[in-house]
Amino acid sequence: MNCGKSFVLCIGRDRDVPYRLELSRQWYVVAGSEGVKLNLWTSEIYNIAI
């Protein structure tokens, strides 16, 4: 995935949350319409099915 790429995370039945991948000093995702930032760590593995 590239910076600025958007995707939807399915959390259970009938619950989808839009996310956007961003990069500042480190990678993070912006969650939902509220713009909550969640940091991603290079030592972790994240799997996203698009």
PDB file of N, CA and C in Angstrom:
ATOM      1  N   MET A   1       0.846  -1.182   0.000  1.00  0.00           N
ATOM      2  CA  MET A   1       0.000   0.000   0.000  1.00  0.00           C
ATOM      3  C   MET A   1       0.885   1.236   0.000  1.00  0.00           C
ATOM      4  N   ASN A   2       0.369   2.285  -0.573  1.00  0.00           N
ATOM      5  CA  ASN A   2       1.086   3.547  -0.641  1.00  0.00           C
ATOM      6  C   ASN A   2       0.456   4.590   0.265  1.00  0.00           C
ATOM      7  N   CYS A   3       1.214   5.616   0.561  1.00  0.00           N
ATOM      8  CA  CYS A   3       0.711   6.731   1.373  1.00  0.00           C
ATOM      9  C   CYS A   3      -0.533   7.331   0.712  1.00  0.00           C
ATOM     10  N   GLY A   4      -1.557   7.594   1.509  1.00  0.00           N
ATOM     11  CA  GLY A   4      -2.804   8.148   1.005  1.00  0.00           C
ATOM     12  C   GLY A   4      -3.815   7.111   0.565  1.00  0.00           C
ATOM     13  N   LYS A   5      -3.422   5.840   0.547  1.00  0.00           N
ATOM     14  CA  LYS A   5      -4.323   4.763   0.131  1.00  0.00           C
ATOM     15  C   LYS A   5      -5.433   4.581   1.157  1.00  0.00           C
ATOM     16  N   SER A   6      -6.656   4.484   0.700  1.00  0.00           N
ATOM     17  CA  SER A   6      -7.814   4.285   1.580  1.00  0.00           C
ATOM     18  C   SER A   6      -8.282   2.838   1.513  1.00  0.00           C
ATOM     19  N   PHE A   7      -8.831   2.362   2.620  1.00  0.00           N
ATOM     20  CA  PHE A   7      -9.389   1.016   2.679  1.00  0.00           C
ATOM     21  C   PHE A   7     -10.456   0.990   3.762  1.00  0.00           C
ATOM     22  N   VAL A   8     -11.253  -0.060   3.760  1.00  0.00           N
ATOM     23  CA  VAL A   8     -12.317  -0.226   4.753  1.00  0.00           C
ATOM     24  C   VAL A   8     -12.002  -1.456   5.591  1.00  0.00           C
ATOM     25  N   LEU A   9     -12.019  -1.290   6.899  1.00  0.00           N
ATOM     26  CA  LEU A   9     -11.784  -2.392   7.823  1.00  0.00           C
ATOM     27  C   LEU A   9     -13.134  -2.886   8.321  1.00  0.00           C
ATOM     28  N   CYS A  10     -13.409  -4.170   8.134  1.00  0.00           N
ATOM     29  CA  CYS A  10     -14.663  -4.763   8.586  1.00  0.00           C
ATOM     30  C   CYS A  10     -14.475  -5.273  10.008  1.00  0.00           C
ATOM     31  N   ILE A  11     -15.270  -4.736  10.916  1.00  0.00           N
ATOM     32  CA  ILE A  11     -15.203  -5.132  12.322  1.00  0.00           C
ATOM     33  C   ILE A  11     -16.531  -5.787  12.669  1.00  0.00           C
ATOM     34  N   GLY A  12     -16.594  -7.079  12.526  1.00  0.00           N
ATOM     35  CA  GLY A  12     -17.832  -7.786  12.812  1.00  0.00           C
ATOM     36  C   GLY A  12     -18.861  -7.594  11.716  1.00  0.00           C
ATOM     37  N   ARG A  13     -20.053  -8.025  11.994  1.00  0.00           N
ATOM     38  CA  ARG A  13     -21.138  -7.920  11.021  1.00  0.00           C
ATOM     39  C   ARG A  13     -21.681  -6.501  10.988  1.00  0.00           C
ATOM     40  N   ASP A  14     -21.880  -6.005   9.798  1.00  0.00           N
ATOM     41  CA  ASP A  14     -22.499  -4.691   9.583  1.00  0.00           C
ATOM     42  C   ASP A  14     -21.736  -3.544  10.221  1.00  0.00           C
ATOM     43  N   ARG A  15     -20.444  -3.681  10.452  1.00  0.00           N
ATOM     44  CA  ARG A  15     -19.656  -2.591  11.034  1.00  0.00           C
ATOM     45  C   ARG A  15     -18.376  -2.422  10.223  1.00  0.00           C
ATOM     46  N   ASP A  16     -18.341  -1.389   9.385  1.00  0.00           N
ATOM     47  CA  ASP A  16     -17.185  -1.080   8.554  1.00  0.00           C
ATOM     48  C   ASP A  16     -16.634   0.281   8.956  1.00  0.00           C
ATOM     49  N   VAL A  17     -15.320   0.394   9.025  1.00  0.00           N
ATOM     50  CA  VAL A  17     -14.678   1.650   9.384  1.00  0.00           C
ATOM     51  C   VAL A  17     -13.705   2.041   8.271  1.00  0.00           C
ATOM     52  N   PRO A  18     -13.870   3.222   7.666  1.00  0.00           N
ATOM     53  CA  PRO A  18     -12.919   3.654   6.635  1.00  0.00           C
ATOM     54  C   PRO A  18     -11.603   4.101   7.267  1.00  0.00           C
ATOM     55  N   TYR A  19     -10.502   3.759   6.614  1.00  0.00           N
ATOM     56  CA  TYR A  19      -9.160   4.125   7.064  1.00  0.00           C
ATOM     57  C   TYR A  19      -8.385   4.729   5.900  1.00  0.00           C
ATOM     58  N   ARG A  20      -7.357   5.491   6.222  1.00  0.00           N
ATOM     59  CA  ARG A  20      -6.443   6.039   5.221  1.00  0.00           C
ATOM     60  C   ARG A  20      -5.022   5.915   5.758  1.00  0.00           C
ATOM     61  N   LEU A  21      -4.117   5.391   4.951  1.00  0.00           N
ATOM     62  CA  LEU A  21      -2.723   5.209   5.335  1.00  0.00           C
ATOM     63  C   LEU A  21      -1.952   6.502   5.102  1.00  0.00           C
ATOM     64  N   GLU A  22      -1.191   6.954   6.111  1.00  0.00           N
ATOM     65  CA  GLU A  22      -0.418   8.194   6.005  1.00  0.00           C
ATOM     66  C   GLU A  22       0.980   7.999   6.572  1.00  0.00           C
ATOM     67  N   LEU A  23       1.869   8.919   6.221  1.00  0.00           N
ATOM     68  CA  LEU A  23       3.247   8.882   6.702  1.00  0.00           C
ATOM     69  C   LEU A  23       3.664  10.281   7.128  1.00  0.00           C
ATOM     70  N   SER A  24       4.171  10.379   8.343  1.00  0.00           N
ATOM     71  CA  SER A  24       4.752  11.621   8.834  1.00  0.00           C
ATOM     72  C   SER A  24       6.166  11.252   9.267  1.00  0.00           C
ATOM     73  N   ARG A  25       6.430  11.185  10.540  1.00  0.00           N
ATOM     74  CA  ARG A  25       7.703  10.644  11.018  1.00  0.00           C
ATOM     75  C   ARG A  25       7.658   9.134  11.079  1.00  0.00           C
ATOM     76  N   GLN A  26       6.447   8.594  11.141  1.00  0.00           N
ATOM     77  CA  GLN A  26       6.234   7.148  11.098  1.00  0.00           C
ATOM     78  C   GLN A  26       4.909   6.900  10.399  1.00  0.00           C
ATOM     79  N   TRP A  27       4.678   5.643  10.021  1.00  0.00           N
ATOM     80  CA  TRP A  27       3.430   5.277   9.375  1.00  0.00           C
ATOM     81  C   TRP A  27       2.298   5.277  10.390  1.00  0.00           C
ATOM     82  N   TYR A  28       1.122   5.694   9.955  1.00  0.00           N
ATOM     83  CA  TYR A  28      -0.077   5.641  10.787  1.00  0.00           C
ATOM     84  C   TYR A  28      -1.290   5.554   9.885  1.00  0.00           C
ATOM     85  N   VAL A  29      -2.415   5.182  10.466  1.00  0.00           N
ATOM     86  CA  VAL A  29      -3.679   5.196   9.738  1.00  0.00           C
ATOM     87  C   VAL A  29      -4.600   6.206  10.399  1.00  0.00           C
ATOM     88  N   VAL A  30      -5.445   6.825   9.578  1.00  0.00           N
ATOM     89  CA  VAL A  30      -6.465   7.750  10.062  1.00  0.00           C
ATOM     90  C   VAL A  30      -7.782   6.996   9.986  1.00  0.00           C
ATOM     91  N   ALA A  31      -8.444   6.851  11.135  1.00  0.00           N
ATOM     92  CA  ALA A  31      -9.633   6.014  11.232  1.00  0.00           C
ATOM     93  C   ALA A  31     -10.905   6.843  11.243  1.00  0.00           C
ATOM     94  N   GLY A  32     -11.869   6.405  10.430  1.00  0.00           N
ATOM     95  CA  GLY A  32     -13.212   6.970  10.452  1.00  0.00           C
ATOM     96  C   GLY A  32     -13.295   8.446  10.142  1.00  0.00           C
ATOM     97  N   SER A  33     -14.504   8.961  10.227  1.00  0.00           N
ATOM     98  CA  SER A  33     -14.744  10.380   9.937  1.00  0.00           C
ATOM     99  C   SER A  33     -14.224  11.288  11.042  1.00  0.00           C
ATOM    100  N   GLU A  34     -13.919  10.706  12.220  1.00  0.00           N
ATOM    101  CA  GLU A  34     -13.395  11.489  13.332  1.00  0.00           C
ATOM    102  C   GLU A  34     -11.914  11.803  13.162  1.00  0.00           C
ATOM    103  N   GLY A  35     -11.222  11.086  12.279  1.00  0.00           N
ATOM    104  CA  GLY A  35      -9.812  11.324  12.023  1.00  0.00           C
ATOM    105  C   GLY A  35      -8.881  10.850  13.123  1.00  0.00           C
ATOM    106  N   VAL A  36      -9.241   9.781  13.805  1.00  0.00           N
ATOM    107  CA  VAL A  36      -8.410   9.224  14.876  1.00  0.00           C
ATOM    108  C   VAL A  36      -7.144   8.617  14.265  1.00  0.00           C
ATOM    109  N   LYS A  37      -5.965   9.000  14.781  1.00  0.00           N
ATOM    110  CA  LYS A  37      -4.698   8.502  14.271  1.00  0.00           C
ATOM    111  C   LYS A  37      -4.239   7.290  15.086  1.00  0.00           C
ATOM    112  N   LEU A  38      -3.911   6.207  14.375  1.00  0.00           N
ATOM    113  CA  LEU A  38      -3.400   4.993  14.996  1.00  0.00           C
ATOM    114  C   LEU A  38      -2.018   4.715  14.420  1.00  0.00           C
ATOM    115  N   ASN A  39      -0.997   4.719  15.268  1.00  0.00           N
ATOM    116  CA  ASN A  39       0.366   4.492  14.816  1.00  0.00           C
ATOM    117  C   ASN A  39       0.590   3.046  14.406  1.00  0.00           C
ATOM    118  N   LEU A  40       1.394   2.856  13.372  1.00  0.00           N
ATOM    119  CA  LEU A  40       1.819   1.541  12.922  1.00  0.00           C
ATOM    120  C   LEU A  40       3.311   1.422  13.199  1.00  0.00           C
ATOM    121  N   TRP A  41       3.748   0.264  13.614  1.00  0.00           N
ATOM    122  CA  TRP A  41       5.142   0.052  13.981  1.00  0.00           C
ATOM    123  C   TRP A  41       5.823  -0.862  12.981  1.00  0.00           C
ATOM    124  N   THR A  42       7.057  -0.534  12.616  1.00  0.00           N
ATOM    125  CA  THR A  42       7.769  -1.324  11.617  1.00  0.00           C
ATOM    126  C   THR A  42       8.104  -2.722  12.105  1.00  0.00           C
ATOM    127  N   SER A  43       8.133  -2.941  13.413  1.00  0.00           N
ATOM    128  CA  SER A  43       8.437  -4.273  13.944  1.00  0.00           C
ATOM    129  C   SER A  43       7.217  -5.192  13.965  1.00  0.00           C
ATOM    130  N   GLU A  44       6.056  -4.679  13.577  1.00  0.00           N
ATOM    131  CA  GLU A  44       4.814  -5.464  13.564  1.00  0.00           C
ATOM    132  C   GLU A  44       4.412  -5.796  12.139  1.00  0.00           C
ATOM    133  N   ILE A  45       3.609  -6.836  11.988  1.00  0.00           N
ATOM    134  CA  ILE A  45       3.066  -7.212  10.686  1.00  0.00           C
ATOM    135  C   ILE A  45       1.573  -6.935  10.699  1.00  0.00           C
ATOM    136  N   TYR A  46       1.095  -6.193   9.706  1.00  0.00           N
ATOM    137  CA  TYR A  46      -0.321  -5.858   9.581  1.00  0.00           C
ATOM    138  C   TYR A  46      -0.830  -6.435   8.276  1.00  0.00           C
ATOM    139  N   ASN A  47      -1.893  -7.217   8.341  1.00  0.00           N
ATOM    140  CA  ASN A  47      -2.498  -7.798   7.142  1.00  0.00           C
ATOM    141  C   ASN A  47      -3.809  -7.092   6.861  1.00  0.00           C
ATOM    142  N   ILE A  48      -3.941  -6.577   5.644  1.00  0.00           N
ATOM    143  CA  ILE A  48      -5.165  -5.892   5.231  1.00  0.00           C
ATOM    144  C   ILE A  48      -5.617  -6.510   3.921  1.00  0.00           C
ATOM    145  N   ALA A  49      -6.821  -7.033   3.910  1.00  0.00           N
ATOM    146  CA  ALA A  49      -7.393  -7.619   2.699  1.00  0.00           C
ATOM    147  C   ALA A  49      -8.207  -6.546   1.992  1.00  0.00           C
ATOM    148  N   ILE A  50      -7.859  -6.260   0.759  1.00  0.00           N
ATOM    149  CA  ILE A  50      -8.571  -5.220   0.001  1.00  0.00           C
ATOM    150  C   ILE A  50      -9.487  -5.885  -1.005  1.00  0.00           C
TER     151      ILE A  50
END
